Amino acid sequence: MSAMPSVLLCLAHGNDAIEITTFLSLLPRAGITVTVASVEGDGALTIQSAEGLTFQADIPLCQAVDKASDLLLLLGGKESCDTYARSDLVVESMAQFTATQRYVAAMSHVVPGLIDKSERYQGANVTCLPQQSSLLQHTQWQERRVVVDPRYLLLTGQGPLCATDMALKIIELLKCKQDAHAITHDLALPIGIYNYQE
């Protein structure tokens, strides 16, 4: 792992705003650099969330793939998932991260819409929105907020209200358990979210 861990966060129109703001807030607090890349085919950097909020990407994905990042993060939203699935660059990026022993993290819609359909993840343990679990054909659904399958270098999360769980798990993976726990000091965690303290 690099001395200053980094995440490549892919955005497309229709991503979930709760997920976007959670990751953009929590990961930098732990000293993780986040590069926000637009997956939109026209290279647009202004992205509209599923709720109609506007977010600004740093660069198009085509300019981000050659930058060294420790984890690829794909967020939920039906429209954005369809964009991910149509993007050869997203699919190639997933393959590249896996081949170079780096994690791919996917939230909610992305799991049945992209992860489950990829041959490289067949047999992986995953989670996604419970109402979407019946769509999974090649992966094994787990009734948990976040699932890590180190065999596949894959991290999956259920949905928007599990984004905090996912962010903390990313911090643990890219830094350490103590750093994940340190972030929880400022969060007043709800019951059910692991605080990374034994």
N, C-alpha and C. Protein backbone atom coordinates (compact mmCIF):
# COMPACT_ATOMS: atom_id res chain seq x y z
N MET A 1 0.83 -1.19 0.00
CA MET A 1 0.00 0.00 0.00
C MET A 1 0.87 1.24 0.00
N SER A 2 0.48 2.27 -0.74
CA SER A 2 1.26 3.48 -0.83
C SER A 2 1.22 4.24 0.50
N ALA A 3 2.23 5.12 0.71
CA ALA A 3 2.32 5.87 1.96
C ALA A 3 1.12 6.78 2.14
N MET A 4 0.63 7.36 1.05
CA MET A 4 -0.57 8.20 1.10
C MET A 4 -1.63 7.54 0.23
N PRO A 5 -2.50 6.73 0.80
CA PRO A 5 -3.47 5.97 0.01
C PRO A 5 -4.38 6.88 -0.81
N SER A 6 -4.86 6.34 -1.91
CA SER A 6 -5.73 7.13 -2.79
C SER A 6 -6.85 6.27 -3.33
N VAL A 7 -7.97 6.92 -3.60
CA VAL A 7 -9.16 6.26 -4.14
C VAL A 7 -9.56 6.95 -5.44
N LEU A 8 -9.89 6.16 -6.44
CA LEU A 8 -10.44 6.69 -7.68
C LEU A 8 -11.95 6.50 -7.63
N LEU A 9 -12.67 7.60 -7.47
CA LEU A 9 -14.12 7.58 -7.33
C LEU A 9 -14.75 7.94 -8.67
N CYS A 10 -15.48 7.00 -9.25
CA CYS A 10 -16.10 7.21 -10.56
C CYS A 10 -17.51 7.77 -10.38
N LEU A 11 -17.78 8.90 -11.03
CA LEU A 11 -19.11 9.51 -10.96
C LEU A 11 -19.78 9.51 -12.32
N ALA A 12 -21.09 9.35 -12.31
CA ALA A 12 -21.91 9.46 -13.52
C ALA A 12 -23.24 10.07 -13.12
N HIS A 13 -23.95 10.62 -14.07
CA HIS A 13 -25.28 11.16 -13.78
C HIS A 13 -26.13 10.07 -13.14
N GLY A 14 -26.82 10.43 -12.06
CA GLY A 14 -27.71 9.47 -11.40
C GLY A 14 -27.11 8.77 -10.20
N ASN A 15 -25.84 9.07 -9.87
CA ASN A 15 -25.28 8.51 -8.63
C ASN A 15 -26.06 9.03 -7.44
N ASP A 16 -25.99 8.29 -6.34
CA ASP A 16 -26.70 8.66 -5.13
C ASP A 16 -25.94 9.74 -4.36
N ALA A 17 -26.60 10.85 -4.04
CA ALA A 17 -25.95 11.98 -3.39
C ALA A 17 -25.47 11.65 -1.98
N ILE A 18 -26.21 10.82 -1.25
CA ILE A 18 -25.79 10.44 0.09
C ILE A 18 -24.45 9.72 0.03
N GLU A 19 -24.32 8.81 -0.93
CA GLU A 19 -23.08 8.07 -1.08
C GLU A 19 -21.94 9.00 -1.47
N ILE A 20 -22.18 9.88 -2.44
CA ILE A 20 -21.13 10.80 -2.89
C ILE A 20 -20.60 11.63 -1.72
N THR A 21 -21.51 12.28 -1.00
CA THR A 21 -21.08 13.18 0.07
C THR A 21 -20.43 12.42 1.23
N THR A 22 -20.89 11.22 1.50
CA THR A 22 -20.30 10.44 2.59
C THR A 22 -18.84 10.11 2.30
N PHE A 23 -18.58 9.60 1.10
CA PHE A 23 -17.20 9.23 0.77
C PHE A 23 -16.30 10.46 0.64
N LEU A 24 -16.82 11.52 0.05
CA LEU A 24 -16.01 12.73 -0.11
C LEU A 24 -15.73 13.41 1.23
N SER A 25 -16.56 13.14 2.22
CA SER A 25 -16.35 13.70 3.54
C SER A 25 -15.42 12.84 4.40
N LEU A 26 -15.68 11.54 4.45
CA LEU A 26 -14.97 10.68 5.40
C LEU A 26 -13.58 10.25 4.95
N LEU A 27 -13.41 9.93 3.68
CA LEU A 27 -12.10 9.41 3.25
C LEU A 27 -10.98 10.44 3.43
N PRO A 28 -11.17 11.70 3.01
CA PRO A 28 -10.09 12.68 3.23
C PRO A 28 -9.79 12.92 4.71
N ARG A 29 -10.78 12.77 5.57
CA ARG A 29 -10.53 12.94 7.01
C ARG A 29 -9.48 11.95 7.50
N ALA A 30 -9.41 10.80 6.84
CA ALA A 30 -8.46 9.77 7.23
C ALA A 30 -7.15 9.88 6.46
N GLY A 31 -6.99 10.96 5.70
CA GLY A 31 -5.76 11.14 4.95
C GLY A 31 -5.71 10.37 3.65
N ILE A 32 -6.87 10.01 3.12
CA ILE A 32 -6.95 9.30 1.84
C ILE A 32 -7.30 10.31 0.75
N THR A 33 -6.48 10.36 -0.28
CA THR A 33 -6.73 11.25 -1.40
C THR A 33 -7.81 10.67 -2.29
N VAL A 34 -8.78 11.48 -2.67
CA VAL A 34 -9.86 11.03 -3.54
C VAL A 34 -9.80 11.81 -4.85
N THR A 35 -9.64 11.07 -5.95
CA THR A 35 -9.73 11.67 -7.28
C THR A 35 -11.11 11.34 -7.83
N VAL A 36 -11.89 12.36 -8.17
CA VAL A 36 -13.24 12.16 -8.68
C VAL A 36 -13.19 12.21 -10.21
N ALA A 37 -13.53 11.09 -10.84
CA ALA A 37 -13.45 10.99 -12.29
C ALA A 37 -14.84 10.83 -12.90
N SER A 38 -15.10 11.60 -13.94
CA SER A 38 -16.38 11.49 -14.64
C SER A 38 -16.34 10.35 -15.63
N VAL A 39 -17.39 9.52 -15.60
CA VAL A 39 -17.51 8.40 -16.51
C VAL A 39 -18.34 8.77 -17.74
N GLU A 40 -18.92 9.96 -17.73
CA GLU A 40 -19.78 10.37 -18.83
C GLU A 40 -19.02 10.39 -20.16
N GLY A 41 -19.64 9.84 -21.19
CA GLY A 41 -18.99 9.69 -22.49
C GLY A 41 -18.57 10.99 -23.13
N ASP A 42 -19.27 12.08 -22.80
CA ASP A 42 -18.92 13.37 -23.40
C ASP A 42 -17.87 14.11 -22.59
N GLY A 43 -17.37 13.47 -21.54
CA GLY A 43 -16.32 14.08 -20.73
C GLY A 43 -16.81 15.15 -19.78
N ALA A 44 -18.14 15.30 -19.64
CA ALA A 44 -18.70 16.33 -18.76
C ALA A 44 -18.21 16.14 -17.33
N LEU A 45 -17.77 17.23 -16.72
CA LEU A 45 -17.28 17.17 -15.34
C LEU A 45 -18.34 17.54 -14.33
N THR A 46 -19.41 18.18 -14.77
CA THR A 46 -20.52 18.52 -13.88
C THR A 46 -21.52 17.37 -13.90
N ILE A 47 -21.70 16.75 -12.75
CA ILE A 47 -22.51 15.54 -12.64
C ILE A 47 -23.73 15.83 -11.78
N GLN A 48 -24.88 15.39 -12.26
CA GLN A 48 -26.13 15.56 -11.51
C GLN A 48 -26.50 14.25 -10.84
N SER A 49 -26.70 14.31 -9.55
CA SER A 49 -27.06 13.11 -8.79
C SER A 49 -28.50 12.70 -9.07
N ALA A 50 -28.89 11.54 -8.57
CA ALA A 50 -30.25 11.05 -8.74
C ALA A 50 -31.26 12.01 -8.12
N GLU A 51 -30.82 12.78 -7.12
CA GLU A 51 -31.71 13.71 -6.43
C GLU A 51 -31.71 15.10 -7.05
N GLY A 52 -30.91 15.29 -8.11
CA GLY A 52 -30.85 16.58 -8.78
C GLY A 52 -29.79 17.52 -8.25
N LEU A 53 -28.94 17.04 -7.35
CA LEU A 53 -27.84 17.86 -6.84
C LEU A 53 -26.67 17.81 -7.80
N THR A 54 -25.87 18.87 -7.81
CA THR A 54 -24.75 18.97 -8.74
C THR A 54 -23.43 18.74 -8.03
N PHE A 55 -22.60 17.89 -8.64
CA PHE A 55 -21.25 17.62 -8.13
C PHE A 55 -20.25 17.83 -9.25
N GLN A 56 -19.03 18.18 -8.88
CA GLN A 56 -18.00 18.48 -9.86
C GLN A 56 -16.91 17.41 -9.82
N ALA A 57 -16.71 16.74 -10.94
CA ALA A 57 -15.60 15.79 -11.05
C ALA A 57 -14.30 16.54 -11.28
N ASP A 58 -13.18 15.90 -10.94
CA ASP A 58 -11.87 16.52 -11.15
C ASP A 58 -11.40 16.39 -12.59
N ILE A 59 -11.57 15.19 -13.14
CA ILE A 59 -11.08 14.89 -14.48
C ILE A 59 -11.96 13.81 -15.11
N PRO A 60 -11.93 13.67 -16.44
CA PRO A 60 -12.62 12.53 -17.07
C PRO A 60 -11.88 11.24 -16.71
N LEU A 61 -12.59 10.14 -16.70
CA LEU A 61 -11.99 8.85 -16.35
C LEU A 61 -10.82 8.52 -17.27
N CYS A 62 -10.91 8.89 -18.54
CA CYS A 62 -9.83 8.57 -19.49
C CYS A 62 -8.51 9.21 -19.07
N GLN A 63 -8.55 10.29 -18.29
CA GLN A 63 -7.33 10.92 -17.81
C GLN A 63 -6.90 10.41 -16.44
N ALA A 64 -7.75 9.61 -15.82
CA ALA A 64 -7.47 9.15 -14.46
C ALA A 64 -6.91 7.74 -14.41
N VAL A 65 -7.13 6.97 -15.46
CA VAL A 65 -6.78 5.55 -15.39
C VAL A 65 -5.29 5.31 -15.25
N ASP A 66 -4.48 6.23 -15.72
CA ASP A 66 -3.03 6.04 -15.62
C ASP A 66 -2.46 6.54 -14.30
N LYS A 67 -3.29 7.19 -13.50
CA LYS A 67 -2.83 7.65 -12.20
C LYS A 67 -2.87 6.49 -11.21
N ALA A 68 -1.91 6.48 -10.31
CA ALA A 68 -1.84 5.38 -9.34
C ALA A 68 -2.87 5.60 -8.24
N SER A 69 -3.84 4.71 -8.14
CA SER A 69 -4.84 4.74 -7.06
C SER A 69 -4.89 3.35 -6.45
N ASP A 70 -5.23 3.32 -5.16
CA ASP A 70 -5.21 2.05 -4.44
C ASP A 70 -6.55 1.32 -4.47
N LEU A 71 -7.62 2.03 -4.81
CA LEU A 71 -8.95 1.41 -4.80
C LEU A 71 -9.84 2.13 -5.80
N LEU A 72 -10.63 1.35 -6.52
CA LEU A 72 -11.61 1.88 -7.47
C LEU A 72 -12.98 1.82 -6.82
N LEU A 73 -13.69 2.95 -6.79
CA LEU A 73 -14.97 3.04 -6.08
C LEU A 73 -16.09 3.40 -7.06
N LEU A 74 -17.09 2.53 -7.12
CA LEU A 74 -18.26 2.71 -8.00
C LEU A 74 -19.50 2.84 -7.13
N LEU A 75 -20.22 3.95 -7.30
CA LEU A 75 -21.35 4.24 -6.42
C LEU A 75 -22.68 3.85 -7.04
N GLY A 76 -23.71 3.78 -6.17
CA GLY A 76 -25.02 3.32 -6.59
C GLY A 76 -25.84 4.36 -7.34
N GLY A 77 -26.95 3.87 -7.86
CA GLY A 77 -27.86 4.66 -8.68
C GLY A 77 -28.11 3.91 -9.97
N LYS A 78 -29.37 3.71 -10.33
CA LYS A 78 -29.68 2.89 -11.51
C LYS A 78 -29.13 3.50 -12.79
N GLU A 79 -29.36 4.80 -12.99
CA GLU A 79 -28.88 5.45 -14.21
C GLU A 79 -27.36 5.40 -14.31
N SER A 80 -26.69 5.69 -13.19
CA SER A 80 -25.22 5.69 -13.20
C SER A 80 -24.68 4.28 -13.42
N CYS A 81 -25.35 3.29 -12.85
CA CYS A 81 -24.91 1.90 -13.05
C CYS A 81 -24.99 1.52 -14.52
N ASP A 82 -26.04 1.95 -15.20
CA ASP A 82 -26.16 1.68 -16.63
C ASP A 82 -25.00 2.33 -17.40
N THR A 83 -24.60 3.53 -16.97
CA THR A 83 -23.47 4.21 -17.60
C THR A 83 -22.18 3.45 -17.36
N TYR A 84 -21.97 3.00 -16.11
CA TYR A 84 -20.80 2.19 -15.81
C TYR A 84 -20.73 0.96 -16.73
N ALA A 85 -21.86 0.27 -16.83
CA ALA A 85 -21.90 -0.98 -17.59
C ALA A 85 -21.62 -0.77 -19.08
N ARG A 86 -21.99 0.40 -19.60
CA ARG A 86 -21.75 0.70 -21.02
C ARG A 86 -20.34 1.21 -21.27
N SER A 87 -19.62 1.52 -20.21
CA SER A 87 -18.29 2.12 -20.36
C SER A 87 -17.20 1.05 -20.43
N ASP A 88 -16.59 0.90 -21.58
CA ASP A 88 -15.48 -0.03 -21.70
C ASP A 88 -14.35 0.35 -20.75
N LEU A 89 -14.19 1.65 -20.51
CA LEU A 89 -13.12 2.12 -19.65
C LEU A 89 -13.34 1.71 -18.20
N VAL A 90 -14.59 1.72 -17.74
CA VAL A 90 -14.89 1.26 -16.38
C VAL A 90 -14.58 -0.23 -16.27
N VAL A 91 -15.04 -1.00 -17.24
CA VAL A 91 -14.82 -2.45 -17.22
C VAL A 91 -13.33 -2.76 -17.26
N GLU A 92 -12.59 -2.05 -18.10
CA GLU A 92 -11.14 -2.25 -18.20
C GLU A 92 -10.44 -1.83 -16.91
N SER A 93 -10.94 -0.77 -16.29
CA SER A 93 -10.35 -0.30 -15.03
C SER A 93 -10.54 -1.34 -13.93
N MET A 94 -11.72 -1.95 -13.87
CA MET A 94 -11.97 -3.01 -12.90
C MET A 94 -10.98 -4.15 -13.09
N ALA A 95 -10.78 -4.54 -14.34
CA ALA A 95 -9.84 -5.64 -14.63
C ALA A 95 -8.42 -5.26 -14.25
N GLN A 96 -8.04 -4.01 -14.53
CA GLN A 96 -6.69 -3.56 -14.23
C GLN A 96 -6.43 -3.51 -12.73
N PHE A 97 -7.40 -3.01 -11.97
CA PHE A 97 -7.24 -2.95 -10.52
C PHE A 97 -7.09 -4.35 -9.94
N THR A 98 -7.94 -5.27 -10.38
CA THR A 98 -7.87 -6.63 -9.87
C THR A 98 -6.55 -7.29 -10.24
N ALA A 99 -6.11 -7.10 -11.48
CA ALA A 99 -4.88 -7.73 -11.95
C ALA A 99 -3.65 -7.23 -11.22
N THR A 100 -3.72 -6.01 -10.71
CA THR A 100 -2.58 -5.43 -10.00
C THR A 100 -2.78 -5.44 -8.48
N GLN A 101 -3.65 -6.36 -8.02
CA GLN A 101 -3.85 -6.60 -6.59
C GLN A 101 -4.36 -5.37 -5.84
N ARG A 102 -5.30 -4.65 -6.48
CA ARG A 102 -5.93 -3.50 -5.85
C ARG A 102 -7.43 -3.77 -5.76
N TYR A 103 -8.07 -3.22 -4.74
CA TYR A 103 -9.49 -3.48 -4.50
C TYR A 103 -10.40 -2.70 -5.44
N VAL A 104 -11.53 -3.33 -5.76
CA VAL A 104 -12.67 -2.67 -6.40
C VAL A 104 -13.79 -2.66 -5.37
N ALA A 105 -14.41 -1.49 -5.16
CA ALA A 105 -15.52 -1.35 -4.21
C ALA A 105 -16.75 -0.90 -4.98
N ALA A 106 -17.88 -1.53 -4.70
CA ALA A 106 -19.12 -1.25 -5.43
C ALA A 106 -20.29 -1.16 -4.47
N MET A 107 -21.16 -0.17 -4.73
CA MET A 107 -22.33 0.03 -3.89
C MET A 107 -23.61 -0.37 -4.62
N SER A 108 -24.55 -0.88 -3.89
CA SER A 108 -25.95 -1.14 -4.27
C SER A 108 -26.16 -1.60 -5.71
N HIS A 109 -26.70 -0.73 -6.59
CA HIS A 109 -27.07 -1.13 -7.95
C HIS A 109 -25.93 -1.74 -8.75
N VAL A 110 -24.70 -1.32 -8.44
CA VAL A 110 -23.55 -1.78 -9.22
C VAL A 110 -23.32 -3.28 -9.03
N VAL A 111 -23.73 -3.81 -7.89
CA VAL A 111 -23.46 -5.23 -7.62
C VAL A 111 -24.25 -6.13 -8.57
N PRO A 112 -25.59 -6.04 -8.64
CA PRO A 112 -26.29 -6.88 -9.63
C PRO A 112 -26.08 -6.40 -11.06
N GLY A 113 -25.87 -5.08 -11.24
CA GLY A 113 -25.80 -4.53 -12.59
C GLY A 113 -24.47 -4.70 -13.29
N LEU A 114 -23.40 -4.90 -12.52
CA LEU A 114 -22.08 -4.97 -13.14
C LEU A 114 -21.20 -6.07 -12.52
N ILE A 115 -21.08 -6.08 -11.20
CA ILE A 115 -20.22 -7.05 -10.54
C ILE A 115 -20.69 -8.48 -10.80
N ASP A 116 -21.98 -8.73 -10.60
CA ASP A 116 -22.53 -10.08 -10.77
C ASP A 116 -22.40 -10.57 -12.21
N LYS A 117 -22.34 -9.66 -13.16
CA LYS A 117 -22.27 -10.04 -14.57
C LYS A 117 -20.84 -10.21 -15.09
N SER A 118 -19.87 -9.93 -14.23
CA SER A 118 -18.48 -10.04 -14.62
C SER A 118 -17.93 -11.42 -14.29
N GLU A 119 -17.31 -12.06 -15.26
CA GLU A 119 -16.78 -13.41 -15.05
C GLU A 119 -15.76 -13.45 -13.93
N ARG A 120 -15.00 -12.38 -13.76
CA ARG A 120 -13.92 -12.41 -12.77
C ARG A 120 -14.44 -12.49 -11.34
N TYR A 121 -15.74 -12.16 -11.12
CA TYR A 121 -16.28 -12.18 -9.77
C TYR A 121 -17.24 -13.34 -9.52
N GLN A 122 -17.31 -14.28 -10.43
CA GLN A 122 -18.23 -15.41 -10.23
C GLN A 122 -17.85 -16.18 -8.97
N GLY A 123 -18.84 -16.39 -8.11
CA GLY A 123 -18.62 -17.10 -6.86
C GLY A 123 -18.26 -16.20 -5.68
N ALA A 124 -18.13 -14.90 -5.93
CA ALA A 124 -17.74 -13.98 -4.86
C ALA A 124 -18.88 -13.77 -3.87
N ASN A 125 -18.53 -13.52 -2.63
CA ASN A 125 -19.50 -13.12 -1.62
C ASN A 125 -19.72 -11.62 -1.74
N VAL A 126 -20.99 -11.20 -1.82
CA VAL A 126 -21.32 -9.79 -2.02
C VAL A 126 -22.53 -9.40 -1.19
N THR A 127 -22.79 -8.11 -1.15
CA THR A 127 -24.05 -7.60 -0.65
C THR A 127 -24.52 -6.50 -1.58
N CYS A 128 -25.80 -6.18 -1.50
CA CYS A 128 -26.40 -5.10 -2.28
C CYS A 128 -27.74 -4.78 -1.62
N LEU A 129 -28.52 -3.91 -2.20
CA LEU A 129 -29.84 -3.64 -1.65
C LEU A 129 -30.61 -4.96 -1.53
N PRO A 130 -31.20 -5.25 -0.37
CA PRO A 130 -31.88 -6.53 -0.19
C PRO A 130 -32.92 -6.83 -1.26
N GLN A 131 -33.63 -5.81 -1.73
CA GLN A 131 -34.65 -6.04 -2.75
C GLN A 131 -34.06 -6.39 -4.11
N GLN A 132 -32.74 -6.24 -4.24
CA GLN A 132 -32.07 -6.60 -5.49
C GLN A 132 -31.35 -7.94 -5.42
N SER A 133 -31.37 -8.56 -4.25
CA SER A 133 -30.59 -9.79 -4.07
C SER A 133 -31.06 -10.91 -5.00
N SER A 134 -32.34 -10.91 -5.35
CA SER A 134 -32.86 -11.96 -6.24
C SER A 134 -32.32 -11.84 -7.66
N LEU A 135 -31.72 -10.70 -7.99
CA LEU A 135 -31.16 -10.49 -9.32
C LEU A 135 -29.79 -11.14 -9.48
N LEU A 136 -29.17 -11.50 -8.36
CA LEU A 136 -27.83 -12.07 -8.41
C LEU A 136 -27.88 -13.51 -8.91
N GLN A 137 -27.06 -13.80 -9.90
CA GLN A 137 -27.02 -15.15 -10.48
C GLN A 137 -25.67 -15.83 -10.31
N HIS A 138 -24.59 -15.05 -10.23
CA HIS A 138 -23.25 -15.64 -10.23
C HIS A 138 -22.44 -15.30 -8.99
N THR A 139 -23.04 -14.54 -8.07
CA THR A 139 -22.39 -14.19 -6.81
C THR A 139 -23.29 -14.59 -5.65
N GLN A 140 -22.71 -14.62 -4.45
CA GLN A 140 -23.43 -15.11 -3.27
C GLN A 140 -23.78 -13.95 -2.35
N TRP A 141 -25.09 -13.66 -2.22
CA TRP A 141 -25.52 -12.53 -1.40
C TRP A 141 -25.38 -12.83 0.08
N GLN A 142 -24.86 -11.85 0.82
CA GLN A 142 -24.73 -11.94 2.27
C GLN A 142 -25.58 -10.83 2.90
N GLU A 143 -26.32 -11.17 3.94
CA GLU A 143 -27.19 -10.19 4.58
C GLU A 143 -26.39 -9.35 5.57
N ARG A 144 -25.51 -8.50 5.00
CA ARG A 144 -24.66 -7.62 5.81
C ARG A 144 -24.55 -6.28 5.11
N ARG A 145 -24.26 -5.23 5.89
CA ARG A 145 -24.15 -3.89 5.32
C ARG A 145 -23.00 -3.81 4.32
N VAL A 146 -21.88 -4.39 4.69
CA VAL A 146 -20.67 -4.37 3.86
C VAL A 146 -20.06 -5.76 3.86
N VAL A 147 -19.60 -6.20 2.71
CA VAL A 147 -18.97 -7.51 2.58
C VAL A 147 -17.62 -7.34 1.90
N VAL A 148 -16.59 -7.90 2.52
CA VAL A 148 -15.26 -7.93 1.90
C VAL A 148 -14.98 -9.36 1.49
N ASP A 149 -14.60 -9.56 0.24
CA ASP A 149 -14.16 -10.88 -0.21
C ASP A 149 -12.73 -10.74 -0.71
N PRO A 150 -11.74 -11.01 0.17
CA PRO A 150 -10.34 -10.81 -0.21
C PRO A 150 -9.88 -11.72 -1.33
N ARG A 151 -10.59 -12.83 -1.57
CA ARG A 151 -10.21 -13.72 -2.67
C ARG A 151 -10.32 -13.01 -4.01
N TYR A 152 -11.27 -12.09 -4.10
CA TYR A 152 -11.54 -11.37 -5.35
C TYR A 152 -11.12 -9.90 -5.27
N LEU A 153 -10.53 -9.49 -4.14
CA LEU A 153 -10.20 -8.08 -3.92
C LEU A 153 -11.44 -7.23 -4.17
N LEU A 154 -12.54 -7.63 -3.57
CA LEU A 154 -13.84 -7.02 -3.82
C LEU A 154 -14.48 -6.58 -2.51
N LEU A 155 -15.00 -5.37 -2.51
CA LEU A 155 -15.71 -4.79 -1.37
C LEU A 155 -17.06 -4.30 -1.87
N THR A 156 -18.15 -4.74 -1.24
CA THR A 156 -19.48 -4.35 -1.68
C THR A 156 -20.30 -3.82 -0.50
N GLY A 157 -21.22 -2.89 -0.81
CA GLY A 157 -22.06 -2.29 0.22
C GLY A 157 -23.52 -2.28 -0.20
N GLN A 158 -24.42 -2.31 0.78
CA GLN A 158 -25.84 -2.47 0.49
C GLN A 158 -26.47 -1.25 -0.18
N GLY A 159 -26.28 -0.06 0.37
CA GLY A 159 -26.97 1.09 -0.19
C GLY A 159 -26.57 2.37 0.50
N PRO A 160 -27.25 3.48 0.20
CA PRO A 160 -26.84 4.80 0.68
C PRO A 160 -26.60 4.90 2.18
N LEU A 161 -27.50 4.33 2.98
CA LEU A 161 -27.34 4.46 4.43
C LEU A 161 -26.25 3.55 4.98
N CYS A 162 -25.63 2.78 4.11
CA CYS A 162 -24.48 1.95 4.50
C CYS A 162 -23.17 2.55 4.00
N ALA A 163 -23.23 3.75 3.44
CA ALA A 163 -22.02 4.37 2.90
C ALA A 163 -21.00 4.66 4.00
N THR A 164 -21.47 5.01 5.20
CA THR A 164 -20.54 5.23 6.31
C THR A 164 -19.80 3.94 6.65
N ASP A 165 -20.54 2.82 6.71
CA ASP A 165 -19.91 1.52 6.97
C ASP A 165 -18.84 1.23 5.91
N MET A 166 -19.19 1.51 4.64
CA MET A 166 -18.27 1.24 3.54
C MET A 166 -17.03 2.14 3.63
N ALA A 167 -17.24 3.42 3.93
CA ALA A 167 -16.10 4.34 4.03
C ALA A 167 -15.14 3.91 5.14
N LEU A 168 -15.69 3.51 6.28
CA LEU A 168 -14.84 3.06 7.38
C LEU A 168 -14.08 1.79 7.02
N LYS A 169 -14.71 0.89 6.29
CA LYS A 169 -14.03 -0.33 5.85
C LYS A 169 -12.91 0.00 4.87
N ILE A 170 -13.15 0.97 3.98
CA ILE A 170 -12.09 1.39 3.05
C ILE A 170 -10.91 1.97 3.82
N ILE A 171 -11.21 2.77 4.85
CA ILE A 171 -10.14 3.34 5.67
C ILE A 171 -9.34 2.23 6.34
N GLU A 172 -10.03 1.22 6.85
CA GLU A 172 -9.31 0.10 7.47
C GLU A 172 -8.44 -0.62 6.45
N LEU A 173 -8.98 -0.86 5.25
CA LEU A 173 -8.23 -1.59 4.22
C LEU A 173 -7.01 -0.82 3.74
N LEU A 174 -7.18 0.49 3.52
CA LEU A 174 -6.10 1.28 2.93
C LEU A 174 -5.14 1.84 3.97
N LYS A 175 -5.60 1.93 5.23
CA LYS A 175 -4.73 2.45 6.28
C LYS A 175 -4.63 1.41 7.40
N CYS A 176 -5.48 1.53 8.40
CA CYS A 176 -5.46 0.54 9.48
C CYS A 176 -6.73 0.68 10.32
N LYS A 177 -6.96 -0.29 11.16
CA LYS A 177 -8.15 -0.31 12.01
C LYS A 177 -8.17 0.88 12.96
N GLN A 178 -6.99 1.27 13.46
CA GLN A 178 -6.92 2.39 14.39
C GLN A 178 -7.35 3.69 13.72
N ASP A 179 -6.98 3.88 12.47
CA ASP A 179 -7.38 5.08 11.75
C ASP A 179 -8.89 5.10 11.52
N ALA A 180 -9.46 3.93 11.22
CA ALA A 180 -10.91 3.86 11.05
C ALA A 180 -11.61 4.23 12.37
N HIS A 181 -11.10 3.71 13.47
CA HIS A 181 -11.70 4.02 14.77
C HIS A 181 -11.57 5.51 15.09
N ALA A 182 -10.43 6.10 14.75
CA ALA A 182 -10.22 7.52 15.05
C ALA A 182 -11.26 8.40 14.37
N ILE A 183 -11.65 8.02 13.16
CA ILE A 183 -12.66 8.80 12.43
C ILE A 183 -14.01 8.75 13.15
N THR A 184 -14.31 7.64 13.81
CA THR A 184 -15.62 7.49 14.45
C THR A 184 -15.79 8.44 15.64
N HIS A 185 -14.70 8.98 16.17
CA HIS A 185 -14.80 9.89 17.32
C HIS A 185 -15.68 11.10 17.02
N ASP A 186 -15.68 11.54 15.76
CA ASP A 186 -16.41 12.75 15.39
C ASP A 186 -17.79 12.47 14.79
N LEU A 187 -18.24 11.20 14.80
CA LEU A 187 -19.41 10.85 14.01
C LEU A 187 -20.68 10.54 14.78
N ALA A 188 -20.61 10.27 16.07
CA ALA A 188 -21.80 9.84 16.82
C ALA A 188 -22.50 8.71 16.06
N LEU A 189 -21.82 7.59 15.95
CA LEU A 189 -22.31 6.49 15.14
C LEU A 189 -23.63 5.93 15.63
N PRO A 190 -24.58 5.68 14.72
CA PRO A 190 -25.83 5.01 15.11
C PRO A 190 -25.55 3.57 15.54
N ILE A 191 -26.47 3.01 16.29
CA ILE A 191 -26.36 1.60 16.69
C ILE A 191 -26.32 0.73 15.43
N GLY A 192 -25.39 -0.21 15.42
CA GLY A 192 -25.29 -1.13 14.29
C GLY A 192 -24.10 -0.89 13.39
N ILE A 193 -23.52 0.33 13.46
CA ILE A 193 -22.33 0.60 12.67
C ILE A 193 -21.11 0.30 13.52
N TYR A 194 -20.24 -0.56 13.03
CA TYR A 194 -19.05 -1.00 13.76
C TYR A 194 -18.10 0.19 13.95
N ASN A 195 -17.59 0.35 15.18
CA ASN A 195 -16.73 1.49 15.48
C ASN A 195 -15.24 1.16 15.44
N TYR A 196 -14.90 -0.05 15.02
CA TYR A 196 -13.49 -0.47 14.86
C TYR A 196 -12.71 -0.42 16.16
N GLN A 197 -13.39 -0.69 17.24
CA GLN A 197 -12.76 -0.79 18.55
C GLN A 197 -13.18 -2.10 19.18
N GLU A 198 -12.21 -2.90 19.58
CA GLU A 198 -12.53 -4.20 20.19
C GLU A 198 -13.23 -3.99 21.53
